PDB file of N, CA and C in Angstrom:
ATOM      1  N   MET A   1     -18.333  -4.473  42.994  1.00  0.00           N
ATOM      2  CA  MET A   1     -17.845  -5.449  42.022  1.00  0.00           C
ATOM      3  C   MET A   1     -18.275  -5.103  40.600  1.00  0.00           C
ATOM      4  N   SER A   2     -19.519  -4.670  40.455  1.00  0.00           N
ATOM      5  CA  SER A   2     -20.027  -4.369  39.121  1.00  0.00           C
ATOM      6  C   SER A   2     -19.303  -3.176  38.499  1.00  0.00           C
ATOM      7  N   HIS A   3     -18.766  -2.312  39.345  1.00  0.00           N
ATOM      8  CA  HIS A   3     -18.045  -1.147  38.835  1.00  0.00           C
ATOM      9  C   HIS A   3     -16.793  -1.582  38.064  1.00  0.00           C
ATOM     10  N   SER A   4     -16.049  -2.524  38.616  1.00  0.00           N
ATOM     11  CA  SER A   4     -14.842  -2.990  37.943  1.00  0.00           C
ATOM     12  C   SER A   4     -15.191  -3.714  36.642  1.00  0.00           C
ATOM     13  N   LEU A   5     -16.355  -4.361  36.620  1.00  0.00           N
ATOM     14  CA  LEU A   5     -16.797  -5.029  35.398  1.00  0.00           C
ATOM     15  C   LEU A   5     -17.051  -4.013  34.292  1.00  0.00           C
ATOM     16  N   TYR A   6     -17.731  -2.931  34.647  1.00  0.00           N
ATOM     17  CA  TYR A   6     -17.965  -1.866  33.672  1.00  0.00           C
ATOM     18  C   TYR A   6     -16.650  -1.253  33.211  1.00  0.00           C
ATOM     19  N   LEU A   7     -15.722  -1.113  34.127  1.00  0.00           N
ATOM     20  CA  LEU A   7     -14.417  -0.548  33.805  1.00  0.00           C
ATOM     21  C   LEU A   7     -13.673  -1.452  32.819  1.00  0.00           C
ATOM     22  N   GLN A   8     -13.724  -2.771  33.067  1.00  0.00           N
ATOM     23  CA  GLN A   8     -13.065  -3.718  32.162  1.00  0.00           C
ATOM     24  C   GLN A   8     -13.710  -3.683  30.786  1.00  0.00           C
ATOM     25  N   LEU A   9     -15.036  -3.602  30.757  1.00  0.00           N
ATOM     26  CA  LEU A   9     -15.754  -3.552  29.494  1.00  0.00           C
ATOM     27  C   LEU A   9     -15.386  -2.301  28.704  1.00  0.00           C
ATOM     28  N   ALA A  10     -15.324  -1.170  29.404  1.00  0.00           N
ATOM     29  CA  ALA A  10     -14.965   0.089  28.749  1.00  0.00           C
ATOM     30  C   ALA A  10     -13.549   0.023  28.192  1.00  0.00           C
ATOM     31  N   THR A  11     -12.624  -0.554  28.970  1.00  0.00           N
ATOM     32  CA  THR A  11     -11.237  -0.679  28.521  1.00  0.00           C
ATOM     33  C   THR A  11     -11.161  -1.557  27.285  1.00  0.00           C
ATOM     34  N   LEU A  12     -11.921  -2.654  27.300  1.00  0.00           N
ATOM     35  CA  LEU A  12     -11.941  -3.575  26.170  1.00  0.00           C
ATOM     36  C   LEU A  12     -12.449  -2.870  24.914  1.00  0.00           C
ATOM     37  N   LEU A  13     -13.526  -2.109  25.055  1.00  0.00           N
ATOM     38  CA  LEU A  13     -14.098  -1.401  23.914  1.00  0.00           C
ATOM     39  C   LEU A  13     -13.138  -0.353  23.371  1.00  0.00           C
ATOM     40  N   VAL A  14     -12.487   0.355  24.262  1.00  0.00           N
ATOM     41  CA  VAL A  14     -11.535   1.384  23.836  1.00  0.00           C
ATOM     42  C   VAL A  14     -10.372   0.758  23.084  1.00  0.00           C
ATOM     43  N   LYS A  15      -9.845  -0.341  23.614  1.00  0.00           N
ATOM     44  CA  LYS A  15      -8.726  -1.014  22.948  1.00  0.00           C
ATOM     45  C   LYS A  15      -9.122  -1.525  21.581  1.00  0.00           C
ATOM     46  N   ALA A  16     -10.320  -2.110  21.485  1.00  0.00           N
ATOM     47  CA  ALA A  16     -10.799  -2.624  20.201  1.00  0.00           C
ATOM     48  C   ALA A  16     -10.964  -1.478  19.204  1.00  0.00           C
ATOM     49  N   ASP A  17     -11.476  -0.355  19.678  1.00  0.00           N
ATOM     50  CA  ASP A  17     -11.674   0.805  18.817  1.00  0.00           C
ATOM     51  C   ASP A  17     -10.340   1.353  18.325  1.00  0.00           C
ATOM     52  N   LEU A  18      -9.347   1.388  19.208  1.00  0.00           N
ATOM     53  CA  LEU A  18      -8.023   1.875  18.834  1.00  0.00           C
ATOM     54  C   LEU A  18      -7.399   0.970  17.780  1.00  0.00           C
ATOM     55  N   ARG A  19      -7.540  -0.338  17.962  1.00  0.00           N
ATOM     56  CA  ARG A  19      -6.996  -1.281  16.980  1.00  0.00           C
ATOM     57  C   ARG A  19      -7.649  -1.088  15.623  1.00  0.00           C
ATOM     58  N   ARG A  20      -8.974  -0.899  15.633  1.00  0.00           N
ATOM     59  CA  ARG A  20      -9.706  -0.714  14.376  1.00  0.00           C
ATOM     60  C   ARG A  20      -9.268   0.569  13.679  1.00  0.00           C
ATOM     61  N   GLU A  21      -9.121   1.648  14.449  1.00  0.00           N
ATOM     62  CA  GLU A  21      -8.687   2.915  13.857  1.00  0.00           C
ATOM     63  C   GLU A  21      -7.281   2.803  13.301  1.00  0.00           C
ATOM     64  N   GLU A  22      -6.417   2.062  14.006  1.00  0.00           N
ATOM     65  CA  GLU A  22      -5.040   1.899  13.542  1.00  0.00           C
ATOM     66  C   GLU A  22      -5.004   1.127  12.230  1.00  0.00           C
ATOM     67  N   ARG A  23      -5.852   0.104  12.120  1.00  0.00           N
ATOM     68  CA  ARG A  23      -5.928  -0.663  10.879  1.00  0.00           C
ATOM     69  C   ARG A  23      -6.392   0.206   9.728  1.00  0.00           C
ATOM     70  N   GLU A  24      -7.429   1.012   9.966  1.00  0.00           N
ATOM     71  CA  GLU A  24      -7.938   1.898   8.918  1.00  0.00           C
ATOM     72  C   GLU A  24      -6.885   2.921   8.510  1.00  0.00           C
ATOM     73  N   TRP A  25      -6.142   3.446   9.487  1.00  0.00           N
ATOM     74  CA  TRP A  25      -5.115   4.433   9.208  1.00  0.00           C
ATOM     75  C   TRP A  25      -4.008   3.822   8.355  1.00  0.00           C
ATOM     76  N   LYS A  26      -3.594   2.599   8.709  1.00  0.00           N
ATOM     77  CA  LYS A  26      -2.547   1.928   7.933  1.00  0.00           C
ATOM     78  C   LYS A  26      -3.013   1.659   6.512  1.00  0.00           C
ATOM     79  N   ARG A  27      -4.291   1.280   6.385  1.00  0.00           N
ATOM     80  CA  ARG A  27      -4.837   1.025   5.048  1.00  0.00           C
ATOM     81  C   ARG A  27      -4.841   2.294   4.220  1.00  0.00           C
ATOM     82  N   ARG A  28      -5.211   3.413   4.875  1.00  0.00           N
ATOM     83  CA  ARG A  28      -5.247   4.703   4.182  1.00  0.00           C
ATOM     84  C   ARG A  28      -3.843   5.115   3.756  1.00  0.00           C
ATOM     85  N   VAL A  29      -2.870   4.910   4.621  1.00  0.00           N
ATOM     86  CA  VAL A  29      -1.484   5.263   4.303  1.00  0.00           C
ATOM     87  C   VAL A  29      -0.984   4.418   3.141  1.00  0.00           C
ATOM     88  N   ARG A  30      -1.326   3.129   3.167  1.00  0.00           N
ATOM     89  CA  ARG A  30      -0.897   2.236   2.101  1.00  0.00           C
ATOM     90  C   ARG A  30      -1.495   2.658   0.768  1.00  0.00           C
ATOM     91  N   ARG A  31      -2.776   3.066   0.798  1.00  0.00           N
ATOM     92  CA  ARG A  31      -3.444   3.485  -0.421  1.00  0.00           C
ATOM     93  C   ARG A  31      -2.827   4.778  -0.960  1.00  0.00           C
ATOM     94  N   SER A  32      -2.519   5.717  -0.064  1.00  0.00           N
ATOM     95  CA  SER A  32      -1.943   6.980  -0.506  1.00  0.00           C
ATOM     96  C   SER A  32      -0.507   6.796  -0.978  1.00  0.00           C
ATOM     97  N   ALA A  33       0.165   5.754  -0.475  1.00  0.00           N
ATOM     98  CA  ALA A  33       1.538   5.491  -0.908  1.00  0.00           C
ATOM     99  C   ALA A  33       1.560   5.066  -2.369  1.00  0.00           C
ATOM    100  N   HIS A  34       0.487   4.421  -2.832  1.00  0.00           N
ATOM    101  CA  HIS A  34       0.413   4.013  -4.234  1.00  0.00           C
ATOM    102  C   HIS A  34       0.181   5.225  -5.133  1.00  0.00           C
ATOM    103  N   GLU A  35      -0.554   6.201  -4.615  1.00  0.00           N
ATOM    104  CA  GLU A  35      -0.865   7.381  -5.414  1.00  0.00           C
ATOM    105  C   GLU A  35       0.357   8.287  -5.579  1.00  0.00           C
ATOM    106  N   ILE A  36       1.183   8.361  -4.536  1.00  0.00           N
ATOM    107  CA  ILE A  36       2.362   9.214  -4.594  1.00  0.00           C
ATOM    108  C   ILE A  36       3.467   8.480  -5.362  1.00  0.00           C
ATOM    109  N   PRO A  37       4.018   9.095  -6.378  1.00  0.00           N
ATOM    110  CA  PRO A  37       5.120   8.445  -7.111  1.00  0.00           C
ATOM    111  C   PRO A  37       6.331   8.274  -6.199  1.00  0.00           C
ATOM    112  N   CYS A  38       6.784   7.047  -6.109  1.00  0.00           N
ATOM    113  CA  CYS A  38       7.871   6.743  -5.171  1.00  0.00           C
ATOM    114  C   CYS A  38       9.208   6.754  -5.891  1.00  0.00           C
ATOM    115  N   THR A  39      10.189   7.413  -5.287  1.00  0.00           N
ATOM    116  CA  THR A  39      11.515   7.491  -5.909  1.00  0.00           C
ATOM    117  C   THR A  39      12.442   6.413  -5.368  1.00  0.00           C
ATOM    118  N   MET A  40      11.996   5.690  -4.367  1.00  0.00           N
ATOM    119  CA  MET A  40      12.840   4.646  -3.790  1.00  0.00           C
ATOM    120  C   MET A  40      12.788   3.390  -4.655  1.00  0.00           C
ATOM    121  N   PRO A  41      13.872   2.658  -4.737  1.00  0.00           N
ATOM    122  CA  PRO A  41      13.902   1.446  -5.569  1.00  0.00           C
ATOM    123  C   PRO A  41      13.009   0.335  -5.032  1.00  0.00           C
ATOM    124  N   VAL A  42      12.668   0.424  -3.754  1.00  0.00           N
ATOM    125  CA  VAL A  42      11.807  -0.603  -3.156  1.00  0.00           C
ATOM    126  C   VAL A  42      10.419  -0.571  -3.779  1.00  0.00           C
ATOM    127  N   CYS A  43       9.934   0.663  -4.070  1.00  0.00           N
ATOM    128  CA  CYS A  43       8.614   0.784  -4.681  1.00  0.00           C
ATOM    129  C   CYS A  43       8.702   0.328  -6.119  1.00  0.00           C
TER     130      CYS A  43
END
């Protein structure tokens, strides 16, 4: 039983880590988008 608990905990930690990395990546992309001169009218 304790094995599945450790497995669930590991899965939870991995998912949380992936979400955090994705947020940081999106933030980095957003920041670099401001630095690059945009030719689209949306910018």
